[in-house]
N, C-alpha and C. Protein backbone atom coordinates (compact mmCIF):
# COMPACT_ATOMS: atom_id res chain seq x y z
N MET A 1 7.49 -4.68 23.73
CA MET A 1 8.68 -3.99 23.21
C MET A 1 8.37 -3.47 21.83
N ASN A 2 8.75 -2.25 21.52
CA ASN A 2 8.50 -1.65 20.22
C ASN A 2 9.57 -2.03 19.22
N SER A 3 9.17 -2.15 17.96
CA SER A 3 10.13 -2.37 16.88
C SER A 3 10.59 -1.02 16.38
N ALA A 4 11.77 -0.97 15.80
CA ALA A 4 12.27 0.29 15.23
C ALA A 4 12.72 0.05 13.80
N THR A 5 12.51 1.02 12.95
CA THR A 5 12.97 0.94 11.58
C THR A 5 14.43 1.36 11.53
N ALA A 6 15.03 1.26 10.35
CA ALA A 6 16.42 1.68 10.18
C ALA A 6 16.58 3.17 10.47
N SER A 7 15.52 3.94 10.24
CA SER A 7 15.61 5.38 10.49
C SER A 7 15.38 5.72 11.96
N GLY A 8 15.03 4.70 12.77
CA GLY A 8 14.82 4.96 14.18
C GLY A 8 13.37 5.28 14.54
N ALA A 9 12.46 5.31 13.56
CA ALA A 9 11.06 5.60 13.84
C ALA A 9 10.43 4.44 14.58
N ARG A 10 9.61 4.74 15.54
CA ARG A 10 8.95 3.70 16.34
C ARG A 10 7.71 3.22 15.60
N LEU A 11 7.52 1.90 15.58
CA LEU A 11 6.38 1.33 14.90
C LEU A 11 5.26 0.94 15.84
N GLY A 12 5.50 0.89 17.11
CA GLY A 12 4.48 0.47 18.03
C GLY A 12 4.54 -1.03 18.24
N PRO A 13 3.65 -1.55 19.06
CA PRO A 13 3.70 -2.97 19.37
C PRO A 13 3.37 -3.80 18.14
N ALA A 14 4.04 -4.91 18.03
CA ALA A 14 3.78 -5.82 16.91
C ALA A 14 2.43 -6.48 17.13
N PRO A 15 1.69 -6.73 16.04
CA PRO A 15 0.42 -7.43 16.19
C PRO A 15 0.67 -8.85 16.68
N LEU A 16 -0.32 -9.41 17.32
CA LEU A 16 -0.20 -10.77 17.81
C LEU A 16 -0.22 -11.72 16.63
N THR A 17 0.90 -12.40 16.37
CA THR A 17 1.01 -13.30 15.23
C THR A 17 1.74 -14.56 15.65
N HIS A 18 1.62 -15.58 14.83
CA HIS A 18 2.34 -16.82 15.06
C HIS A 18 3.67 -16.77 14.32
N ALA A 19 4.64 -17.54 14.77
CA ALA A 19 5.96 -17.54 14.14
C ALA A 19 5.87 -17.91 12.67
N ALA A 20 4.94 -18.78 12.31
CA ALA A 20 4.82 -19.23 10.92
C ALA A 20 3.80 -18.41 10.14
N ASP A 21 3.43 -17.24 10.65
CA ASP A 21 2.43 -16.39 10.01
C ASP A 21 2.87 -16.00 8.61
N ALA A 22 2.04 -16.25 7.62
CA ALA A 22 2.38 -15.93 6.24
C ALA A 22 1.75 -14.62 5.78
N LEU A 23 1.06 -13.93 6.68
CA LEU A 23 0.35 -12.71 6.29
C LEU A 23 1.24 -11.48 6.42
N THR A 24 0.87 -10.44 5.68
CA THR A 24 1.49 -9.12 5.81
C THR A 24 0.54 -8.28 6.64
N HIS A 25 1.07 -7.62 7.67
CA HIS A 25 0.27 -6.86 8.62
C HIS A 25 0.56 -5.37 8.46
N VAL A 26 -0.52 -4.58 8.38
CA VAL A 26 -0.40 -3.13 8.21
C VAL A 26 -1.06 -2.46 9.41
N GLU A 27 -0.26 -1.69 10.17
CA GLU A 27 -0.80 -0.98 11.33
C GLU A 27 -1.33 0.37 10.89
N LEU A 28 -2.60 0.61 11.18
CA LEU A 28 -3.26 1.86 10.84
C LEU A 28 -3.49 2.66 12.11
N THR A 29 -3.14 3.94 12.05
CA THR A 29 -3.32 4.84 13.19
C THR A 29 -4.15 6.02 12.73
N HIS A 30 -5.07 6.45 13.57
CA HIS A 30 -5.85 7.65 13.25
C HIS A 30 -5.96 8.52 14.50
N ILE A 31 -5.20 9.61 14.50
CA ILE A 31 -5.28 10.63 15.54
C ILE A 31 -5.63 11.91 14.79
N GLU A 32 -6.89 12.29 14.90
CA GLU A 32 -7.45 13.39 14.11
C GLU A 32 -6.50 14.58 13.98
N LYS A 33 -6.24 14.97 12.74
CA LYS A 33 -5.41 16.12 12.37
C LYS A 33 -3.95 16.00 12.79
N ARG A 34 -3.51 14.79 13.18
CA ARG A 34 -2.10 14.57 13.56
C ARG A 34 -1.47 13.44 12.75
N ILE A 35 -2.05 12.27 12.87
CA ILE A 35 -1.55 11.09 12.15
C ILE A 35 -2.75 10.36 11.58
N GLU A 36 -2.74 10.17 10.29
CA GLU A 36 -3.84 9.46 9.65
C GLU A 36 -3.24 8.50 8.63
N ASN A 37 -3.25 7.22 8.97
CA ASN A 37 -2.80 6.16 8.07
C ASN A 37 -4.02 5.36 7.68
N TRP A 38 -4.21 5.15 6.39
CA TRP A 38 -5.37 4.39 5.97
C TRP A 38 -5.08 3.60 4.69
N ILE A 39 -5.94 2.63 4.44
CA ILE A 39 -5.86 1.80 3.24
C ILE A 39 -6.83 2.37 2.23
N ARG A 40 -6.34 2.68 1.04
CA ARG A 40 -7.22 3.20 -0.03
C ARG A 40 -7.92 2.07 -0.76
N PHE A 41 -7.21 0.95 -0.97
CA PHE A 41 -7.83 -0.22 -1.58
C PHE A 41 -7.07 -1.46 -1.14
N GLY A 42 -7.70 -2.59 -1.29
CA GLY A 42 -7.09 -3.87 -0.93
C GLY A 42 -8.09 -4.73 -0.20
N ARG A 43 -7.86 -6.03 -0.23
CA ARG A 43 -8.75 -6.99 0.43
C ARG A 43 -8.02 -7.64 1.61
N HIS A 44 -8.30 -7.17 2.79
CA HIS A 44 -7.67 -7.77 3.97
C HIS A 44 -8.43 -9.04 4.37
N VAL A 45 -7.72 -9.94 5.03
CA VAL A 45 -8.32 -11.20 5.46
C VAL A 45 -8.52 -11.24 6.97
N HIS A 46 -7.94 -10.27 7.68
CA HIS A 46 -8.09 -10.24 9.13
C HIS A 46 -7.93 -8.81 9.62
N GLU A 47 -8.67 -8.48 10.66
CA GLU A 47 -8.54 -7.17 11.30
C GLU A 47 -8.40 -7.38 12.80
N GLN A 48 -7.40 -6.70 13.37
CA GLN A 48 -7.18 -6.74 14.81
C GLN A 48 -7.25 -5.31 15.33
N ILE A 49 -8.17 -5.05 16.24
CA ILE A 49 -8.29 -3.72 16.85
C ILE A 49 -7.38 -3.68 18.06
N LEU A 50 -6.40 -2.77 18.03
CA LEU A 50 -5.45 -2.63 19.13
C LEU A 50 -6.00 -1.72 20.21
N ASP A 51 -6.57 -0.60 19.80
CA ASP A 51 -7.23 0.34 20.71
C ASP A 51 -8.11 1.22 19.85
N ARG A 52 -8.67 2.27 20.41
CA ARG A 52 -9.63 3.06 19.64
C ARG A 52 -8.99 3.88 18.51
N ARG A 53 -7.68 3.99 18.51
CA ARG A 53 -6.99 4.76 17.47
C ARG A 53 -6.15 3.91 16.53
N ARG A 54 -5.97 2.63 16.87
CA ARG A 54 -5.08 1.79 16.08
C ARG A 54 -5.71 0.42 15.81
N ARG A 55 -5.45 -0.05 14.59
CA ARG A 55 -5.86 -1.40 14.23
C ARG A 55 -4.86 -1.96 13.24
N VAL A 56 -4.90 -3.25 13.05
CA VAL A 56 -3.98 -3.92 12.14
C VAL A 56 -4.81 -4.70 11.14
N LEU A 57 -4.55 -4.47 9.84
CA LEU A 57 -5.17 -5.24 8.77
C LEU A 57 -4.13 -6.21 8.23
N SER A 58 -4.56 -7.43 7.91
CA SER A 58 -3.64 -8.46 7.43
C SER A 58 -4.03 -8.90 6.03
N TYR A 59 -3.00 -9.14 5.20
CA TYR A 59 -3.18 -9.48 3.78
C TYR A 59 -2.46 -10.77 3.45
N ARG A 60 -3.06 -11.55 2.56
CA ARG A 60 -2.44 -12.79 2.08
C ARG A 60 -1.31 -12.46 1.11
N PRO A 61 -0.32 -13.37 0.98
CA PRO A 61 0.74 -13.16 -0.02
C PRO A 61 0.14 -12.98 -1.41
N GLY A 62 0.70 -12.03 -2.15
CA GLY A 62 0.22 -11.73 -3.49
C GLY A 62 -0.83 -10.65 -3.55
N SER A 63 -1.45 -10.33 -2.41
CA SER A 63 -2.46 -9.27 -2.37
C SER A 63 -1.81 -7.92 -2.61
N VAL A 64 -2.52 -7.04 -3.29
CA VAL A 64 -2.03 -5.69 -3.56
C VAL A 64 -2.94 -4.71 -2.81
N PHE A 65 -2.32 -3.73 -2.17
CA PHE A 65 -3.10 -2.73 -1.43
C PHE A 65 -2.43 -1.37 -1.55
N GLY A 66 -3.23 -0.33 -1.38
CA GLY A 66 -2.75 1.04 -1.38
C GLY A 66 -2.77 1.59 0.03
N PHE A 67 -1.62 2.02 0.53
CA PHE A 67 -1.45 2.47 1.91
C PHE A 67 -1.06 3.94 1.90
N ILE A 68 -1.85 4.76 2.59
CA ILE A 68 -1.59 6.21 2.64
C ILE A 68 -1.21 6.59 4.06
N ARG A 69 -0.13 7.41 4.15
CA ARG A 69 0.32 7.94 5.43
C ARG A 69 0.32 9.45 5.35
N TRP A 70 -0.25 10.08 6.36
CA TRP A 70 -0.29 11.53 6.44
C TRP A 70 -0.03 11.93 7.88
N ALA A 71 0.81 12.95 8.08
CA ALA A 71 1.12 13.43 9.42
C ALA A 71 1.24 14.95 9.39
N ALA A 72 0.82 15.58 10.49
CA ALA A 72 0.88 17.04 10.60
C ALA A 72 1.21 17.44 12.03
N ASN A 73 1.59 18.71 12.17
CA ASN A 73 1.77 19.29 13.50
C ASN A 73 1.02 20.62 13.52
N ASP A 74 1.29 21.46 14.50
CA ASP A 74 0.58 22.73 14.62
C ASP A 74 0.84 23.68 13.45
N PHE A 75 1.89 23.43 12.69
CA PHE A 75 2.28 24.33 11.60
C PHE A 75 1.87 23.82 10.22
N GLY A 76 1.30 22.63 10.14
CA GLY A 76 0.85 22.10 8.86
C GLY A 76 1.31 20.68 8.61
N THR A 77 1.19 20.27 7.37
CA THR A 77 1.52 18.89 6.98
C THR A 77 3.01 18.65 7.07
N LEU A 78 3.37 17.55 7.72
CA LEU A 78 4.77 17.13 7.81
C LEU A 78 5.11 16.13 6.71
N ALA A 79 4.17 15.23 6.43
CA ALA A 79 4.44 14.18 5.45
C ALA A 79 3.14 13.65 4.90
N SER A 80 3.16 13.35 3.62
CA SER A 80 2.05 12.63 2.99
C SER A 80 2.67 11.71 1.95
N ARG A 81 2.20 10.47 1.94
CA ARG A 81 2.82 9.46 1.07
C ARG A 81 1.80 8.38 0.76
N ILE A 82 1.90 7.84 -0.44
CA ILE A 82 1.13 6.66 -0.81
C ILE A 82 2.10 5.59 -1.29
N ASP A 83 1.88 4.38 -0.85
CA ASP A 83 2.63 3.22 -1.32
C ASP A 83 1.62 2.21 -1.83
N ILE A 84 1.85 1.70 -3.02
CA ILE A 84 1.08 0.57 -3.51
C ILE A 84 2.01 -0.62 -3.38
N VAL A 85 1.56 -1.60 -2.60
CA VAL A 85 2.42 -2.68 -2.14
C VAL A 85 1.79 -4.03 -2.46
N ARG A 86 2.65 -4.99 -2.82
CA ARG A 86 2.21 -6.38 -2.97
C ARG A 86 2.73 -7.13 -1.76
N ALA A 87 1.81 -7.79 -1.04
CA ALA A 87 2.19 -8.60 0.12
C ALA A 87 3.02 -9.78 -0.36
N VAL A 88 4.06 -10.12 0.40
CA VAL A 88 4.98 -11.18 0.00
C VAL A 88 4.79 -12.43 0.84
N ALA A 89 5.24 -13.56 0.29
CA ALA A 89 5.22 -14.83 1.00
C ALA A 89 6.45 -14.92 1.90
N PRO A 90 6.40 -15.74 2.94
CA PRO A 90 7.58 -15.91 3.80
C PRO A 90 8.79 -16.33 2.97
N GLY A 91 9.93 -15.69 3.23
CA GLY A 91 11.16 -16.01 2.53
C GLY A 91 11.34 -15.29 1.20
N GLU A 92 10.29 -14.62 0.73
CA GLU A 92 10.37 -13.88 -0.54
C GLU A 92 11.08 -12.55 -0.30
N ASP A 93 11.88 -12.12 -1.28
CA ASP A 93 12.54 -10.83 -1.17
C ASP A 93 11.50 -9.72 -1.02
N HIS A 94 11.83 -8.72 -0.20
CA HIS A 94 10.91 -7.61 0.00
C HIS A 94 11.66 -6.39 0.53
N GLN A 95 10.99 -5.25 0.46
CA GLN A 95 11.50 -4.02 1.04
C GLN A 95 10.77 -3.80 2.36
N THR A 96 11.47 -3.20 3.32
CA THR A 96 10.81 -2.88 4.57
C THR A 96 10.14 -1.51 4.44
N LEU A 97 9.03 -1.37 5.11
CA LEU A 97 8.26 -0.14 5.11
C LEU A 97 7.74 0.13 6.52
N PRO A 98 7.70 1.39 6.93
CA PRO A 98 7.12 1.68 8.24
C PRO A 98 5.66 1.21 8.29
N PHE A 99 5.29 0.63 9.40
CA PHE A 99 3.93 0.18 9.70
C PHE A 99 3.49 -1.06 8.92
N ILE A 100 4.38 -1.64 8.12
CA ILE A 100 4.05 -2.84 7.36
C ILE A 100 5.04 -3.93 7.76
N ARG A 101 4.51 -5.05 8.28
CA ARG A 101 5.36 -6.16 8.71
C ARG A 101 5.02 -7.39 7.92
N PRO A 102 5.95 -8.08 7.31
CA PRO A 102 7.38 -7.82 7.40
C PRO A 102 7.86 -6.75 6.42
N GLY A 103 7.02 -6.33 5.53
CA GLY A 103 7.35 -5.41 4.44
C GLY A 103 6.61 -5.90 3.22
N GLY A 104 7.05 -5.52 2.05
CA GLY A 104 6.37 -5.97 0.84
C GLY A 104 7.15 -5.56 -0.39
N GLU A 105 6.60 -5.89 -1.53
CA GLU A 105 7.17 -5.44 -2.79
C GLU A 105 6.52 -4.11 -3.12
N ILE A 106 7.31 -3.06 -3.15
CA ILE A 106 6.78 -1.73 -3.45
C ILE A 106 6.61 -1.61 -4.96
N LEU A 107 5.36 -1.44 -5.38
CA LEU A 107 5.06 -1.28 -6.79
C LEU A 107 5.09 0.18 -7.19
N LEU A 108 4.71 1.06 -6.26
CA LEU A 108 4.67 2.50 -6.53
C LEU A 108 4.77 3.22 -5.19
N THR A 109 5.47 4.32 -5.20
CA THR A 109 5.49 5.19 -4.04
C THR A 109 5.49 6.63 -4.52
N ALA A 110 4.78 7.48 -3.81
CA ALA A 110 4.75 8.91 -4.16
C ALA A 110 4.71 9.70 -2.86
N ASP A 111 5.56 10.72 -2.78
CA ASP A 111 5.64 11.60 -1.61
C ASP A 111 5.11 12.98 -1.97
N GLY A 112 4.45 13.61 -1.02
CA GLY A 112 3.92 14.96 -1.21
C GLY A 112 2.46 14.91 -1.64
N TRP A 113 1.65 15.76 -1.04
CA TRP A 113 0.21 15.70 -1.28
C TRP A 113 -0.18 15.86 -2.75
N PRO A 114 0.44 16.73 -3.55
CA PRO A 114 0.05 16.82 -4.96
C PRO A 114 0.23 15.49 -5.70
N LYS A 115 1.34 14.80 -5.45
CA LYS A 115 1.56 13.50 -6.11
C LYS A 115 0.61 12.44 -5.57
N VAL A 116 0.39 12.46 -4.25
CA VAL A 116 -0.56 11.51 -3.66
C VAL A 116 -1.94 11.71 -4.30
N CYS A 117 -2.37 12.96 -4.46
CA CYS A 117 -3.66 13.23 -5.10
C CYS A 117 -3.70 12.75 -6.54
N GLN A 118 -2.59 12.88 -7.24
CA GLN A 118 -2.51 12.41 -8.62
C GLN A 118 -2.72 10.88 -8.66
N ILE A 119 -2.10 10.17 -7.75
CA ILE A 119 -2.26 8.71 -7.69
C ILE A 119 -3.70 8.37 -7.30
N LEU A 120 -4.27 9.09 -6.34
CA LEU A 120 -5.65 8.84 -5.94
C LEU A 120 -6.62 9.02 -7.11
N ARG A 121 -6.36 10.02 -7.96
CA ARG A 121 -7.20 10.22 -9.15
C ARG A 121 -7.05 9.04 -10.12
N MET A 122 -5.83 8.50 -10.25
CA MET A 122 -5.62 7.34 -11.12
C MET A 122 -6.35 6.11 -10.58
N ILE A 123 -6.35 5.96 -9.27
CA ILE A 123 -7.10 4.86 -8.65
C ILE A 123 -8.59 5.04 -8.92
N ASP A 124 -9.08 6.28 -8.77
CA ASP A 124 -10.48 6.57 -9.07
C ASP A 124 -10.81 6.24 -10.52
N ASP A 125 -9.89 6.55 -11.44
CA ASP A 125 -10.11 6.26 -12.86
C ASP A 125 -10.23 4.76 -13.11
N VAL A 126 -9.39 3.98 -12.43
CA VAL A 126 -9.45 2.52 -12.57
C VAL A 126 -10.82 2.03 -12.08
N GLU A 127 -11.25 2.53 -10.94
CA GLU A 127 -12.53 2.11 -10.37
C GLU A 127 -13.71 2.59 -11.22
N ALA A 128 -13.55 3.72 -11.89
CA ALA A 128 -14.62 4.27 -12.72
C ALA A 128 -14.93 3.38 -13.92
N VAL A 129 -13.97 2.57 -14.36
CA VAL A 129 -14.24 1.65 -15.48
C VAL A 129 -14.68 0.28 -14.97
N GLY A 130 -14.98 0.19 -13.66
CA GLY A 130 -15.54 -1.04 -13.11
C GLY A 130 -14.53 -2.06 -12.62
N LEU A 131 -13.27 -1.65 -12.42
CA LEU A 131 -12.24 -2.56 -11.94
C LEU A 131 -11.88 -2.21 -10.50
N ASP A 132 -11.47 -3.22 -9.75
CA ASP A 132 -10.99 -3.01 -8.39
C ASP A 132 -9.48 -2.75 -8.48
N ALA A 133 -9.02 -1.70 -7.87
CA ALA A 133 -7.60 -1.33 -7.97
C ALA A 133 -6.66 -2.42 -7.48
N CYS A 134 -7.12 -3.28 -6.57
CA CYS A 134 -6.25 -4.34 -6.07
C CYS A 134 -6.10 -5.49 -7.08
N ASP A 135 -6.92 -5.48 -8.12
CA ASP A 135 -6.83 -6.50 -9.17
C ASP A 135 -6.01 -6.05 -10.38
N VAL A 136 -5.59 -4.80 -10.39
CA VAL A 136 -4.81 -4.23 -11.49
C VAL A 136 -3.46 -4.94 -11.60
N ALA A 137 -2.98 -5.09 -12.82
CA ALA A 137 -1.67 -5.71 -13.05
C ALA A 137 -0.60 -4.95 -12.27
N PRO A 138 0.22 -5.66 -11.49
CA PRO A 138 1.31 -4.98 -10.77
C PRO A 138 2.20 -4.16 -11.70
N ASP A 139 2.38 -4.64 -12.93
CA ASP A 139 3.20 -3.90 -13.89
C ASP A 139 2.63 -2.52 -14.19
N HIS A 140 1.32 -2.36 -14.09
CA HIS A 140 0.73 -1.05 -14.34
C HIS A 140 1.18 -0.06 -13.26
N TRP A 141 1.17 -0.49 -11.99
CA TRP A 141 1.59 0.42 -10.93
C TRP A 141 3.08 0.77 -11.08
N ARG A 142 3.89 -0.19 -11.51
CA ARG A 142 5.31 0.11 -11.78
C ARG A 142 5.44 1.11 -12.93
N HIS A 143 4.62 0.92 -13.98
CA HIS A 143 4.61 1.84 -15.12
C HIS A 143 4.26 3.26 -14.65
N VAL A 144 3.23 3.37 -13.83
CA VAL A 144 2.82 4.69 -13.31
C VAL A 144 3.97 5.33 -12.55
N ALA A 145 4.61 4.56 -11.67
CA ALA A 145 5.73 5.09 -10.88
C ALA A 145 6.87 5.56 -11.80
N ASN A 146 7.20 4.76 -12.80
CA ASN A 146 8.30 5.12 -13.70
C ASN A 146 7.98 6.35 -14.52
N ARG A 147 6.78 6.44 -15.05
CA ARG A 147 6.41 7.61 -15.85
C ARG A 147 6.37 8.88 -15.00
N MET A 148 5.84 8.77 -13.80
CA MET A 148 5.78 9.94 -12.92
C MET A 148 7.19 10.40 -12.53
N SER A 149 8.11 9.46 -12.39
CA SER A 149 9.47 9.83 -11.98
C SER A 149 10.19 10.66 -13.03
N VAL A 150 9.74 10.59 -14.28
CA VAL A 150 10.36 11.39 -15.34
C VAL A 150 9.43 12.48 -15.84
N GLY A 151 8.34 12.72 -15.09
CA GLY A 151 7.44 13.82 -15.42
C GLY A 151 6.55 13.58 -16.62
N GLN A 152 6.29 12.31 -16.95
CA GLN A 152 5.42 12.00 -18.08
C GLN A 152 4.13 11.37 -17.58
N ALA A 153 3.09 11.55 -18.37
CA ALA A 153 1.78 11.00 -18.00
C ALA A 153 1.76 9.49 -18.27
N PRO A 154 1.31 8.71 -17.31
CA PRO A 154 1.19 7.26 -17.53
C PRO A 154 0.00 6.92 -18.42
N ARG A 155 0.06 5.76 -19.04
CA ARG A 155 -1.06 5.27 -19.83
C ARG A 155 -2.20 4.90 -18.88
N ALA A 156 -3.41 5.05 -19.37
CA ALA A 156 -4.58 4.68 -18.58
C ALA A 156 -4.68 3.15 -18.51
N TYR A 157 -5.21 2.67 -17.42
CA TYR A 157 -5.46 1.23 -17.28
C TYR A 157 -6.89 0.98 -17.74
N THR A 158 -7.01 0.27 -18.84
CA THR A 158 -8.32 0.04 -19.46
C THR A 158 -8.78 -1.40 -19.23
N PRO A 159 -10.06 -1.66 -19.45
CA PRO A 159 -10.53 -3.05 -19.36
C PRO A 159 -9.78 -3.97 -20.33
N GLU A 160 -9.37 -3.45 -21.49
CA GLU A 160 -8.61 -4.26 -22.45
C GLU A 160 -7.24 -4.63 -21.89
N ARG A 161 -6.57 -3.68 -21.28
CA ARG A 161 -5.28 -3.97 -20.63
C ARG A 161 -5.48 -4.99 -19.50
N HIS A 162 -6.58 -4.85 -18.78
CA HIS A 162 -6.84 -5.77 -17.69
C HIS A 162 -7.06 -7.19 -18.22
N GLN A 163 -7.80 -7.33 -19.30
CA GLN A 163 -8.02 -8.65 -19.89
C GLN A 163 -6.70 -9.26 -20.36
N ALA A 164 -5.83 -8.44 -20.94
CA ALA A 164 -4.51 -8.93 -21.36
C ALA A 164 -3.71 -9.41 -20.15
N TRP A 165 -3.78 -8.69 -19.04
CA TRP A 165 -3.09 -9.08 -17.80
C TRP A 165 -3.64 -10.42 -17.30
N LEU A 166 -4.96 -10.56 -17.29
CA LEU A 166 -5.55 -11.81 -16.81
C LEU A 166 -5.13 -13.00 -17.68
N LYS A 167 -5.07 -12.79 -19.00
CA LYS A 167 -4.63 -13.88 -19.90
C LYS A 167 -3.16 -14.21 -19.67
N ARG A 168 -2.34 -13.20 -19.50
CA ARG A 168 -0.91 -13.43 -19.24
C ARG A 168 -0.71 -14.19 -17.93
N ARG A 169 -1.45 -13.81 -16.91
CA ARG A 169 -1.36 -14.48 -15.62
C ARG A 169 -1.80 -15.94 -15.72
N GLU A 170 -2.82 -16.18 -16.52
CA GLU A 170 -3.31 -17.54 -16.73
C GLU A 170 -2.26 -18.41 -17.43
N ILE A 171 -1.59 -17.84 -18.41
CA ILE A 171 -0.55 -18.57 -19.16
C ILE A 171 0.66 -18.86 -18.28
N GLU A 172 1.05 -17.84 -17.50
CA GLU A 172 2.23 -17.99 -16.63
C GLU A 172 1.96 -18.94 -15.46
N GLY A 173 0.68 -19.16 -15.15
CA GLY A 173 0.26 -20.09 -14.13
C GLY A 173 0.67 -19.71 -12.79
């Protein structure tokens, strides 16, 4: 039986999981030039291949990943979107998202290919200074989303900012 979102979009069959499963599952679909969902960054702990066009990646609570959705028809692009999401623990508040079960904490979302490309360049910049984008402070992705929403350039994520984040996380325990 297929699950449906509030908007009525079909998500496809749910991945095989246990009732007490604490992981966040992301269904990826790739139908050349029609539907292309992929992970830009993140550390999955499990992969389930559903068929030759679909697979499910699973993430531990607290993991951060970048999920890109793109769809087109014979007339061009219908949708392009990037979500940077933090996987949640069972019982933790979260937002629902298509293709992500049960959902997650949305740190950043951008619609439209120009904005998606802008976010991809920011991810590249983070990686260019030797950091993994999934290790970046969640507050940085929120900062980027907030600055972009008002048309302002976000601050760069530097190794110094990253060290401050690591120290803050250590203190907060």
